Protein backbone atom coordinates (compact mmCIF):
# COMPACT_ATOMS: atom_id res chain seq x y z
CA MET A 1 -46.45 15.40 -81.55
CA LEU A 2 -49.42 16.15 -83.63
CA ASN A 3 -47.64 16.30 -86.54
CA SER A 4 -46.32 12.64 -86.38
CA SER A 5 -50.00 11.38 -85.30
CA VAL A 6 -51.56 13.11 -88.11
CA SER A 7 -48.98 11.53 -90.59
CA LEU A 8 -49.35 8.14 -89.09
CA SER A 9 -53.37 8.31 -89.15
CA PHE A 10 -52.68 9.52 -93.18
CA LYS A 11 -50.37 6.27 -93.52
CA PHE A 12 -52.83 3.80 -92.32
CA PHE A 13 -55.73 5.40 -94.13
CA SER A 14 -53.81 5.01 -97.50
CA VAL A 15 -52.90 1.40 -96.75
CA SER A 16 -56.46 0.89 -95.92
CA ILE A 17 -57.46 2.40 -99.16
CA ILE A 18 -54.92 0.48 -101.20
CA PHE A 19 -56.11 -2.93 -99.67
CA HIS A 20 -59.84 -2.31 -100.48
CA ILE A 21 -58.74 -0.85 -103.95
CA CYS A 22 -56.91 -4.18 -104.14
CA ASN A 23 -59.85 -6.46 -102.92
CA LEU A 24 -62.38 -4.78 -105.56
CA LEU A 25 -59.95 -5.38 -108.29
CA LYS A 26 -59.80 -8.89 -107.24
CA VAL A 27 -63.81 -9.18 -107.14
CA VAL A 28 -64.05 -7.43 -110.50
CA ALA A 29 -61.56 -10.00 -112.17
CA ILE A 30 -63.34 -12.78 -110.51
CA PHE A 31 -66.62 -11.63 -112.09
CA PHE A 32 -65.08 -10.99 -115.37
CA ILE A 33 -63.45 -14.76 -115.55
CA GLY A 34 -66.41 -16.40 -114.54
CA ASN A 35 -68.63 -14.34 -117.10
CA PHE A 36 -66.01 -15.15 -119.61
CA ASN A 37 -66.03 -18.99 -118.97
CA ILE A 38 -69.63 -19.16 -119.10
CA LEU A 39 -69.73 -17.21 -122.46
CA GLU A 40 -67.30 -19.69 -123.73
CA ARG A 41 -69.49 -22.80 -122.41
CA ILE A 42 -72.41 -21.24 -124.38
CA GLU A 43 -70.54 -20.88 -127.48
CA ILE A 44 -69.96 -24.54 -127.43
């Protein structure tokens, strides 16, 4: 019983970590795309 609950919590923990990493990557990508657009406007 203890092993199953530990593995379940570990799965939930890893899924939440993957979710947070995906959100972080999304924010970083949006930030870089925004900066790239600003740089292009300045060059023009």
